[in-house]
PDB file of N, CA and C in Angstrom:
ATOM      1  N   UNK A   1    -135.134  71.867   4.733  1.00  0.00           N
ATOM      2  CA  UNK A   1    -133.741  71.752   5.130  1.00  0.00           C
ATOM      3  C   UNK A   1    -132.921  71.327   3.908  1.00  0.00           C
ATOM      4  N   UNK A   2    -131.825  71.976   3.754  1.00  0.00           N
ATOM      5  CA  UNK A   2    -130.961  71.640   2.628  1.00  0.00           C
ATOM      6  C   UNK A   2    -130.273  70.301   2.868  1.00  0.00           C
ATOM      7  N   UNK A   3    -129.801  69.726   1.799  1.00  0.00           N
ATOM      8  CA  UNK A   3    -129.171  68.414   1.883  1.00  0.00           C
ATOM      9  C   UNK A   3    -127.741  68.486   2.425  1.00  0.00           C
ATOM     10  N   UNK A   4    -127.028  69.584   2.128  1.00  0.00           N
ATOM     11  CA  UNK A   4    -125.621  69.696   2.538  1.00  0.00           C
ATOM     12  C   UNK A   4    -125.441  69.671   4.059  1.00  0.00           C
ATOM     13  N   UNK A   5    -126.221  70.445   4.847  1.00  0.00           N
ATOM     14  CA  UNK A   5    -126.033  70.364   6.305  1.00  0.00           C
ATOM     15  C   UNK A   5    -126.375  68.984   6.867  1.00  0.00           C
ATOM     16  N   UNK A   6    -127.382  68.334   6.278  1.00  0.00           N
ATOM     17  CA  UNK A   6    -127.740  67.001   6.749  1.00  0.00           C
ATOM     18  C   UNK A   6    -126.623  66.002   6.457  1.00  0.00           C
ATOM     19  N   UNK A   7    -126.024  66.086   5.308  1.00  0.00           N
ATOM     20  CA  UNK A   7    -124.902  65.206   4.977  1.00  0.00           C
ATOM     21  C   UNK A   7    -123.707  65.463   5.877  1.00  0.00           C
ATOM     22  N   UNK A   8    -123.464  66.728   6.201  1.00  0.00           N
ATOM     23  CA  UNK A   8    -122.366  67.062   7.104  1.00  0.00           C
ATOM     24  C   UNK A   8    -122.615  66.477   8.495  1.00  0.00           C
ATOM     25  N   UNK A   9    -123.849  66.566   8.971  1.00  0.00           N
ATOM     26  CA  UNK A   9    -124.176  65.982  10.274  1.00  0.00           C
ATOM     27  C   UNK A   9    -124.051  64.459  10.252  1.00  0.00           C
ATOM     28  N   UNK A  10    -124.500  63.830   9.191  1.00  0.00           N
ATOM     29  CA  UNK A  10    -124.359  62.375   9.080  1.00  0.00           C
ATOM     30  C   UNK A  10    -122.896  61.955   8.997  1.00  0.00           C
ATOM     31  N   UNK A  11    -122.086  62.747   8.298  1.00  0.00           N
ATOM     32  CA  UNK A  11    -120.654  62.459   8.225  1.00  0.00           C
ATOM     33  C   UNK A  11    -120.013  62.562   9.609  1.00  0.00           C
ATOM     34  N   UNK A  12    -120.343  63.620  10.355  1.00  0.00           N
ATOM     35  CA  UNK A  12    -119.786  63.791  11.701  1.00  0.00           C
ATOM     36  C   UNK A  12    -120.234  62.665  12.626  1.00  0.00           C
ATOM     37  N   UNK A  13    -121.491  62.247  12.505  1.00  0.00           N
ATOM     38  CA  UNK A  13    -122.005  61.152  13.330  1.00  0.00           C
ATOM     39  C   UNK A  13    -121.283  59.845  13.016  1.00  0.00           C
ATOM     40  N   UNK A  14    -121.119  59.546  11.737  1.00  0.00           N
ATOM     41  CA  UNK A  14    -120.426  58.324  11.323  1.00  0.00           C
ATOM     42  C   UNK A  14    -118.970  58.347  11.772  1.00  0.00           C
ATOM     43  N   UNK A  15    -118.315  59.473  11.638  1.00  0.00           N
ATOM     44  CA  UNK A  15    -116.931  59.617  12.082  1.00  0.00           C
ATOM     45  C   UNK A  15    -116.817  59.417  13.589  1.00  0.00           C
ATOM     46  N   UNK A  16    -117.772  59.952  14.346  1.00  0.00           N
ATOM     47  CA  UNK A  16    -117.761  59.787  15.798  1.00  0.00           C
ATOM     48  C   UNK A  16    -117.931  58.323  16.195  1.00  0.00           C
ATOM     49  N   UNK A  17    -118.764  57.588  15.454  1.00  0.00           N
ATOM     50  CA  UNK A  17    -118.957  56.165  15.748  1.00  0.00           C
ATOM     51  C   UNK A  17    -117.655  55.397  15.551  1.00  0.00           C
ATOM     52  N   UNK A  18    -117.020  55.585  14.396  1.00  0.00           N
ATOM     53  CA  UNK A  18    -115.776  54.860  14.129  1.00  0.00           C
ATOM     54  C   UNK A  18    -114.655  55.275  15.075  1.00  0.00           C
ATOM     55  N   UNK A  19    -114.536  56.559  15.352  1.00  0.00           N
ATOM     56  CA  UNK A  19    -113.496  57.040  16.247  1.00  0.00           C
ATOM     57  C   UNK A  19    -113.720  56.506  17.661  1.00  0.00           C
ATOM     58  N   UNK A  20    -114.967  56.543  18.137  1.00  0.00           N
ATOM     59  CA  UNK A  20    -115.276  56.021  19.470  1.00  0.00           C
ATOM     60  C   UNK A  20    -114.966  54.546  19.591  1.00  0.00           C
ATOM     61  N   UNK A  21    -115.324  53.781  18.576  1.00  0.00           N
ATOM     62  CA  UNK A  21    -115.035  52.348  18.599  1.00  0.00           C
ATOM     63  C   UNK A  21    -113.534  52.083  18.639  1.00  0.00           C
ATOM     64  N   UNK A  22    -112.779  52.789  17.834  1.00  0.00           N
ATOM     65  CA  UNK A  22    -111.325  52.599  17.807  1.00  0.00           C
ATOM     66  C   UNK A  22    -110.691  52.984  19.138  1.00  0.00           C
ATOM     67  N   UNK A  23    -111.148  54.072  19.735  1.00  0.00           N
ATOM     68  CA  UNK A  23    -110.565  54.510  21.008  1.00  0.00           C
ATOM     69  C   UNK A  23    -110.887  53.534  22.135  1.00  0.00           C
ATOM     70  N   UNK A  24    -112.129  53.121  22.239  1.00  0.00           N
ATOM     71  CA  UNK A  24    -112.536  52.241  23.333  1.00  0.00           C
ATOM     72  C   UNK A  24    -111.920  50.849  23.190  1.00  0.00           C
ATOM     73  N   UNK A  25    -111.788  50.366  21.970  1.00  0.00           N
ATOM     74  CA  UNK A  25    -111.238  49.024  21.788  1.00  0.00           C
ATOM     75  C   UNK A  25    -109.749  48.945  22.127  1.00  0.00           C
ATOM     76  N   UNK A  26    -109.066  50.063  22.183  1.00  0.00           N
ATOM     77  CA  UNK A  26    -107.629  50.072  22.479  1.00  0.00           C
ATOM     78  C   UNK A  26    -107.328  50.407  23.946  1.00  0.00           C
ATOM     79  N   UNK A  27    -108.349  50.550  24.771  1.00  0.00           N
ATOM     80  CA  UNK A  27    -108.153  50.900  26.179  1.00  0.00           C
ATOM     81  C   UNK A  27    -107.830  49.643  26.974  1.00  0.00           C
ATOM     82  N   UNK A  28    -106.740  49.662  27.769  1.00  0.00           N
ATOM     83  CA  UNK A  28    -106.436  48.495  28.606  1.00  0.00           C
ATOM     84  C   UNK A  28    -107.502  48.308  29.693  1.00  0.00           C
ATOM     85  N   UNK A  29    -107.658  47.094  30.162  1.00  0.00           N
ATOM     86  CA  UNK A  29    -108.731  46.783  31.112  1.00  0.00           C
ATOM     87  C   UNK A  29    -108.578  47.529  32.439  1.00  0.00           C
ATOM     88  N   UNK A  30    -107.362  47.927  32.811  1.00  0.00           N
ATOM     89  CA  UNK A  30    -107.160  48.642  34.073  1.00  0.00           C
ATOM     90  C   UNK A  30    -107.768  50.047  34.038  1.00  0.00           C
ATOM     91  N   UNK A  31    -108.003  50.570  32.853  1.00  0.00           N
ATOM     92  CA  UNK A  31    -108.525  51.932  32.744  1.00  0.00           C
ATOM     93  C   UNK A  31    -110.025  51.993  32.496  1.00  0.00           C
ATOM     94  N   UNK A  32    -110.688  50.852  32.416  1.00  0.00           N
ATOM     95  CA  UNK A  32    -112.113  50.875  32.097  1.00  0.00           C
ATOM     96  C   UNK A  32    -112.941  51.534  33.189  1.00  0.00           C
ATOM     97  N   UNK A  33    -112.629  51.288  34.469  1.00  0.00           N
ATOM     98  CA  UNK A  33    -113.409  51.883  35.550  1.00  0.00           C
ATOM     99  C   UNK A  33    -113.284  53.399  35.574  1.00  0.00           C
ATOM    100  N   UNK A  34    -112.096  53.994  35.484  1.00  0.00           N
ATOM    101  CA  UNK A  34    -112.038  55.462  35.436  1.00  0.00           C
ATOM    102  C   UNK A  34    -112.722  56.036  34.194  1.00  0.00           C
ATOM    103  N   UNK A  35    -112.615  55.345  33.074  1.00  0.00           N
ATOM    104  CA  UNK A  35    -113.292  55.835  31.873  1.00  0.00           C
ATOM    105  C   UNK A  35    -114.801  55.744  32.015  1.00  0.00           C
ATOM    106  N   UNK A  36    -115.285  54.709  32.673  1.00  0.00           N
ATOM    107  CA  UNK A  36    -116.729  54.575  32.886  1.00  0.00           C
ATOM    108  C   UNK A  36    -117.235  55.710  33.763  1.00  0.00           C
ATOM    109  N   UNK A  37    -116.476  56.077  34.778  1.00  0.00           N
ATOM    110  CA  UNK A  37    -116.877  57.196  35.634  1.00  0.00           C
ATOM    111  C   UNK A  37    -116.915  58.496  34.847  1.00  0.00           C
ATOM    112  N   UNK A  38    -115.946  58.677  33.978  1.00  0.00           N
ATOM    113  CA  UNK A  38    -115.944  59.876  33.139  1.00  0.00           C
ATOM    114  C   UNK A  38    -117.101  59.900  32.165  1.00  0.00           C
ATOM    115  N   UNK A  39    -117.420  58.758  31.595  1.00  0.00           N
ATOM    116  CA  UNK A  39    -118.547  58.723  30.655  1.00  0.00           C
ATOM    117  C   UNK A  39    -119.873  58.919  31.376  1.00  0.00           C
ATOM    118  N   UNK A  40    -119.957  58.506  32.642  1.00  0.00           N
ATOM    119  CA  UNK A  40    -121.166  58.781  33.420  1.00  0.00           C
ATOM    120  C   UNK A  40    -121.340  60.276  33.632  1.00  0.00           C
ATOM    121  N   UNK A  41    -120.262  60.986  33.867  1.00  0.00           N
ATOM    122  CA  UNK A  41    -120.353  62.445  34.026  1.00  0.00           C
ATOM    123  C   UNK A  41    -120.811  63.093  32.722  1.00  0.00           C
ATOM    124  N   UNK A  42    -120.305  62.615  31.606  1.00  0.00           N
ATOM    125  CA  UNK A  42    -120.727  63.151  30.315  1.00  0.00           C
ATOM    126  C   UNK A  42    -122.202  62.856  30.072  1.00  0.00           C
ATOM    127  N   UNK A  43    -122.658  61.674  30.448  1.00  0.00           N
ATOM    128  CA  UNK A  43    -124.070  61.339  30.282  1.00  0.00           C
ATOM    129  C   UNK A  43    -124.949  62.194  31.194  1.00  0.00           C
ATOM    130  N   UNK A  44    -124.436  62.555  32.348  1.00  0.00           N
ATOM    131  CA  UNK A  44    -125.168  63.480  33.214  1.00  0.00           C
ATOM    132  C   UNK A  44    -125.345  64.833  32.554  1.00  0.00           C
ATOM    133  N   UNK A  45    -124.319  65.299  31.866  1.00  0.00           N
ATOM    134  CA  UNK A  45    -124.425  66.548  31.125  1.00  0.00           C
ATOM    135  C   UNK A  45    -125.426  66.393  29.984  1.00  0.00           C
ATOM    136  N   UNK A  46    -125.476  65.210  29.379  1.00  0.00           N
ATOM    137  CA  UNK A  46    -126.442  64.932  28.318  1.00  0.00           C
ATOM    138  C   UNK A  46    -127.864  65.026  28.851  1.00  0.00           C
ATOM    139  N   UNK A  47    -128.100  64.558  30.064  1.00  0.00           N
ATOM    140  CA  UNK A  47    -129.431  64.662  30.662  1.00  0.00           C
ATOM    141  C   UNK A  47    -129.824  66.121  30.829  1.00  0.00           C
ATOM    142  N   UNK A  48    -128.903  66.933  31.315  1.00  0.00           N
ATOM    143  CA  UNK A  48    -129.194  68.362  31.484  1.00  0.00           C
ATOM    144  C   UNK A  48    -129.511  69.001  30.128  1.00  0.00           C
ATOM    145  N   UNK A  49    -128.717  68.684  29.114  1.00  0.00           N
ATOM    146  CA  UNK A  49    -128.972  69.223  27.783  1.00  0.00           C
ATOM    147  C   UNK A  49    -130.300  68.753  27.221  1.00  0.00           C
ATOM    148  N   UNK A  50    -130.643  67.492  27.446  1.00  0.00           N
ATOM    149  CA  UNK A  50    -131.921  66.968  26.967  1.00  0.00           C
ATOM    150  C   UNK A  50    -133.090  67.635  27.682  1.00  0.00           C
ATOM    151  N   UNK A  51    -132.940  67.892  28.972  1.00  0.00           N
ATOM    152  CA  UNK A  51    -133.996  68.591  29.708  1.00  0.00           C
ATOM    153  C   UNK A  51    -134.168  70.023  29.203  1.00  0.00           C
ATOM    154  N   UNK A  52    -133.050  70.690  28.932  1.00  0.00           N
ATOM    155  CA  UNK A  52    -133.143  72.048  28.388  1.00  0.00           C
ATOM    156  C   UNK A  52    -133.778  72.050  26.999  1.00  0.00           C
ATOM    157  N   UNK A  53    -133.406  71.086  26.178  1.00  0.00           N
ATOM    158  CA  UNK A  53    -133.994  70.990  24.849  1.00  0.00           C
ATOM    159  C   UNK A  53    -135.479  70.660  24.942  1.00  0.00           C
ATOM    160  N   UNK A  54    -135.841  69.792  25.858  1.00  0.00           N
ATOM    161  CA  UNK A  54    -137.244  69.431  26.048  1.00  0.00           C
ATOM    162  C   UNK A  54    -138.065  70.646  26.469  1.00  0.00           C
ATOM    163  N   UNK A  55    -137.476  71.506  27.258  1.00  0.00           N
ATOM    164  CA  UNK A  55    -138.166  72.697  27.743  1.00  0.00           C
ATOM    165  C   UNK A  55    -138.356  73.741  26.642  1.00  0.00           C
ATOM    166  N   UNK A  56    -137.441  73.813  25.698  1.00  0.00           N
ATOM    167  CA  UNK A  56    -137.509  74.870  24.684  1.00  0.00           C
ATOM    168  C   UNK A  56    -138.160  74.424  23.383  1.00  0.00           C
ATOM    169  N   UNK A  57    -138.382  73.127  23.189  1.00  0.00           N
ATOM    170  CA  UNK A  57    -138.948  72.637  21.934  1.00  0.00           C
ATOM    171  C   UNK A  57    -140.448  72.873  21.884  1.00  0.00           C
ATOM    172  N   UNK A  58    -140.935  73.010  20.648  1.00  0.00           N
ATOM    173  CA  UNK A  58    -142.370  73.140  20.429  1.00  0.00           C
ATOM    174  C   UNK A  58    -142.828  72.040  19.491  1.00  0.00           C
ATOM    175  N   UNK A  59    -144.043  71.611  19.660  1.00  0.00           N
ATOM    176  CA  UNK A  59    -144.591  70.563  18.812  1.00  0.00           C
ATOM    177  C   UNK A  59    -144.521  69.225  19.504  1.00  0.00           C
ATOM    178  N   UNK A  60    -145.497  68.374  19.239  1.00  0.00           N
ATOM    179  CA  UNK A  60    -145.541  67.077  19.936  1.00  0.00           C
ATOM    180  C   UNK A  60    -144.396  66.142  19.555  1.00  0.00           C
ATOM    181  N   UNK A  61    -143.980  66.139  18.290  1.00  0.00           N
ATOM    182  CA  UNK A  61    -142.884  65.246  17.886  1.00  0.00           C
ATOM    183  C   UNK A  61    -141.582  65.650  18.574  1.00  0.00           C
ATOM    184  N   UNK A  62    -141.338  66.940  18.674  1.00  0.00           N
ATOM    185  CA  UNK A  62    -140.124  67.428  19.334  1.00  0.00           C
ATOM    186  C   UNK A  62    -140.154  67.111  20.827  1.00  0.00           C
ATOM    187  N   UNK A  63    -141.325  67.220  21.432  1.00  0.00           N
ATOM    188  CA  UNK A  63    -141.445  66.899  22.869  1.00  0.00           C
ATOM    189  C   UNK A  63    -141.171  65.412  23.111  1.00  0.00           C
ATOM    190  N   UNK A  64    -141.709  64.544  22.261  1.00  0.00           N
ATOM    191  CA  UNK A  64    -141.472  63.109  22.420  1.00  0.00           C
ATOM    192  C   UNK A  64    -140.008  62.763  22.198  1.00  0.00           C
ATOM    193  N   UNK A  65    -139.379  63.423  21.239  1.00  0.00           N
ATOM    194  CA  UNK A  65    -137.958  63.180  20.982  1.00  0.00           C
ATOM    195  C   UNK A  65    -137.111  63.630  22.170  1.00  0.00           C
ATOM    196  N   UNK A  66    -137.439  64.778  22.750  1.00  0.00           N
ATOM    197  CA  UNK A  66    -136.730  65.249  23.937  1.00  0.00           C
ATOM    198  C   UNK A  66    -136.937  64.334  25.125  1.00  0.00           C
ATOM    199  N   UNK A  67    -138.166  63.845  25.282  1.00  0.00           N
ATOM    200  CA  UNK A  67    -138.456  62.903  26.374  1.00  0.00           C
ATOM    201  C   UNK A  67    -137.656  61.618  26.197  1.00  0.00           C
ATOM    202  N   UNK A  68    -137.590  61.118  24.958  1.00  0.00           N
ATOM    203  CA  UNK A  68    -136.813  59.901  24.686  1.00  0.00           C
ATOM    204  C   UNK A  68    -135.334  60.135  24.991  1.00  0.00           C
ATOM    205  N   UNK A  69    -134.828  61.325  24.672  1.00  0.00           N
ATOM    206  CA  UNK A  69    -133.422  61.638  24.966  1.00  0.00           C
ATOM    207  C   UNK A  69    -133.163  61.613  26.471  1.00  0.00           C
ATOM    208  N   UNK A  70    -134.089  62.146  27.250  1.00  0.00           N
ATOM    209  CA  UNK A  70    -133.935  62.132  28.711  1.00  0.00           C
ATOM    210  C   UNK A  70    -133.958  60.697  29.231  1.00  0.00           C
ATOM    211  N   UNK A  71    -134.888  59.887  28.732  1.00  0.00           N
ATOM    212  CA  UNK A  71    -135.008  58.499  29.196  1.00  0.00           C
ATOM    213  C   UNK A  71    -133.752  57.706  28.853  1.00  0.00           C
ATOM    214  N   UNK A  72    -133.293  57.795  27.599  1.00  0.00           N
ATOM    215  CA  UNK A  72    -132.121  57.006  27.193  1.00  0.00           C
ATOM    216  C   UNK A  72    -130.853  57.462  27.910  1.00  0.00           C
ATOM    217  N   UNK A  73    -130.692  58.768  28.112  1.00  0.00           N
ATOM    218  CA  UNK A  73    -129.515  59.248  28.841  1.00  0.00           C
ATOM    219  C   UNK A  73    -129.569  58.798  30.302  1.00  0.00           C
ATOM    220  N   UNK A  74    -130.755  58.772  30.887  1.00  0.00           N
ATOM    221  CA  UNK A  74    -130.895  58.304  32.273  1.00  0.00           C
ATOM    222  C   UNK A  74    -130.557  56.823  32.388  1.00  0.00           C
ATOM    223  N   UNK A  75    -131.012  56.026  31.420  1.00  0.00           N
ATOM    224  CA  UNK A  75    -130.675  54.607  31.415  1.00  0.00           C
ATOM    225  C   UNK A  75    -129.167  54.429  31.311  1.00  0.00           C
ATOM    226  N   UNK A  76    -128.534  55.250  30.497  1.00  0.00           N
ATOM    227  CA  UNK A  76    -127.085  55.168  30.317  1.00  0.00           C
ATOM    228  C   UNK A  76    -126.357  55.500  31.620  1.00  0.00           C
ATOM    229  N   UNK A  77    -126.811  56.520  32.330  1.00  0.00           N
ATOM    230  CA  UNK A  77    -126.161  56.901  33.586  1.00  0.00           C
ATOM    231  C   UNK A  77    -126.341  55.809  34.640  1.00  0.00           C
ATOM    232  N   UNK A  78    -127.558  55.331  34.813  1.00  0.00           N
ATOM    233  CA  UNK A  78    -127.814  54.306  35.833  1.00  0.00           C
ATOM    234  C   UNK A  78    -127.051  53.027  35.511  1.00  0.00           C
ATOM    235  N   UNK A  79    -127.102  52.604  34.265  1.00  0.00           N
ATOM    236  CA  UNK A  79    -126.368  51.405  33.870  1.00  0.00           C
ATOM    237  C   UNK A  79    -124.870  51.566  34.038  1.00  0.00           C
ATOM    238  N   UNK A  80    -124.359  52.739  33.732  1.00  0.00           N
ATOM    239  CA  UNK A  80    -122.930  52.995  33.888  1.00  0.00           C
ATOM    240  C   UNK A  80    -122.494  52.922  35.336  1.00  0.00           C
ATOM    241  N   UNK A  81    -123.305  53.488  36.234  1.00  0.00           N
ATOM    242  CA  UNK A  81    -122.950  53.412  37.649  1.00  0.00           C
ATOM    243  C   UNK A  81    -123.073  51.985  38.182  1.00  0.00           C
ATOM    244  N   UNK A  82    -124.031  51.227  37.676  1.00  0.00           N
ATOM    245  CA  UNK A  82    -124.152  49.832  38.107  1.00  0.00           C
ATOM    246  C   UNK A  82    -122.940  49.020  37.662  1.00  0.00           C
ATOM    247  N   UNK A  83    -122.491  49.239  36.437  1.00  0.00           N
ATOM    248  CA  UNK A  83    -121.313  48.520  35.946  1.00  0.00           C
ATOM    249  C   UNK A  83    -120.071  48.942  36.722  1.00  0.00           C
ATOM    250  N   UNK A  84    -119.926  50.244  36.985  1.00  0.00           N
ATOM    251  CA  UNK A  84    -118.776  50.736  37.749  1.00  0.00           C
ATOM    252  C   UNK A  84    -118.765  50.136  39.147  1.00  0.00           C
ATOM    253  N   UNK A  85    -119.927  50.099  39.804  1.00  0.00           N
ATOM    254  CA  UNK A  85    -120.007  49.519  41.148  1.00  0.00           C
ATOM    255  C   UNK A  85    -119.640  48.039  41.126  1.00  0.00           C
ATOM    256  N   UNK A  86    -120.096  47.345  40.111  1.00  0.00           N
ATOM    257  CA  UNK A  86    -119.781  45.916  40.005  1.00  0.00           C
ATOM    258  C   UNK A  86    -118.290  45.688  39.753  1.00  0.00           C
ATOM    259  N   UNK A  87    -117.689  46.538  38.925  1.00  0.00           N
ATOM    260  CA  UNK A  87    -116.257  46.393  38.656  1.00  0.00           C
ATOM    261  C   UNK A  87    -115.437  46.701  39.904  1.00  0.00           C
ATOM    262  N   UNK A  88    -115.834  47.724  40.651  1.00  0.00           N
ATOM    263  CA  UNK A  88    -115.100  48.052  41.874  1.00  0.00           C
ATOM    264  C   UNK A  88    -115.271  46.980  42.943  1.00  0.00           C
ATOM    265  N   UNK A  89    -116.410  46.297  42.943  1.00  0.00           N
ATOM    266  CA  UNK A  89    -116.627  45.220  43.913  1.00  0.00           C
ATOM    267  C   UNK A  89    -115.676  44.054  43.674  1.00  0.00           C
ATOM    268  N   UNK A  90    -115.192  43.904  42.471  1.00  0.00           N
ATOM    269  CA  UNK A  90    -114.246  42.822  42.183  1.00  0.00           C
ATOM    270  C   UNK A  90    -112.915  43.032  42.904  1.00  0.00           C
ATOM    271  N   UNK A  91    -112.591  44.276  43.250  1.00  0.00           N
ATOM    272  CA  UNK A  91    -111.317  44.573  43.882  1.00  0.00           C
ATOM    273  C   UNK A  91    -111.397  44.605  45.397  1.00  0.00           C
ATOM    274  N   UNK A  92    -112.583  44.440  45.977  1.00  0.00           N
ATOM    275  CA  UNK A  92    -112.721  44.436  47.427  1.00  0.00           C
ATOM    276  C   UNK A  92    -112.271  43.094  47.976  1.00  0.00           C
ATOM    277  N   UNK A  93    -111.709  43.133  49.187  1.00  0.00           N
ATOM    278  CA  UNK A  93    -111.279  41.898  49.821  1.00  0.00           C
ATOM    279  C   UNK A  93    -112.511  41.098  50.242  1.00  0.00           C
ATOM    280  N   UNK A  94    -112.440  39.809  49.997  1.00  0.00           N
ATOM    281  CA  UNK A  94    -113.547  38.939  50.353  1.00  0.00           C
ATOM    282  C   UNK A  94    -113.383  38.438  51.778  1.00  0.00           C
ATOM    283  N   UNK A  95    -114.488  38.354  52.484  1.00  0.00           N
ATOM    284  CA  UNK A  95    -114.479  37.839  53.855  1.00  0.00           C
ATOM    285  C   UNK A  95    -114.385  36.311  53.791  1.00  0.00           C
ATOM    286  N   UNK A  96    -113.488  35.752  54.572  1.00  0.00           N
ATOM    287  CA  UNK A  96    -113.262  34.305  54.563  1.00  0.00           C
ATOM    288  C   UNK A  96    -114.413  33.538  55.206  1.00  0.00           C
ATOM    289  N   UNK A  97    -115.284  34.208  55.953  1.00  0.00           N
ATOM    290  CA  UNK A  97    -116.406  33.516  56.583  1.00  0.00           C
ATOM    291  C   UNK A  97    -116.077  32.925  57.930  1.00  0.00           C
ATOM    292  N   UNK A  98    -114.876  33.080  58.389  1.00  0.00           N
ATOM    293  CA  UNK A  98    -114.477  32.519  59.688  1.00  0.00           C
ATOM    294  C   UNK A  98    -114.917  33.428  60.818  1.00  0.00           C
ATOM    295  N   UNK A  99    -114.687  32.964  62.040  1.00  0.00           N
ATOM    296  CA  UNK A  99    -115.079  33.778  63.201  1.00  0.00           C
ATOM    297  C   UNK A  99    -114.234  35.043  63.302  1.00  0.00           C
ATOM    298  N   UNK A 100    -114.868  36.080  63.718  1.00  0.00           N
ATOM    299  CA  UNK A 100    -114.163  37.354  63.871  1.00  0.00           C
ATOM    300  C   UNK A 100    -113.658  37.497  65.298  1.00  0.00           C
ATOM    301  N   UNK A 101    -112.489  38.120  65.465  1.00  0.00           N
ATOM    302  CA  UNK A 101    -111.947  38.290  66.831  1.00  0.00           C
ATOM    303  C   UNK A 101    -112.701  39.319  67.611  1.00  0.00           C
TER     304      UNK A 101
END
């Protein structure tokens, strides 16, 4: 593999990290729940892509890398839904514990 494509990929990855950090850090707290739901959908697409890549790859190292991608994307989706559920629970009315009519 040539060095130029690898450097271009590393540059794009580094740029994505800084851009993502800047965007997320400027989001008001009222928008975190809708953004979390959107990122869960994107992670679901990542799982599908990882499964497709796992199916088409050859070699043991590629298979393990694809398996790791599926596992990490699944953890991201489950964790994202758990955080979203917890955030939405904060907005539910609490029961006072008194007798019901």
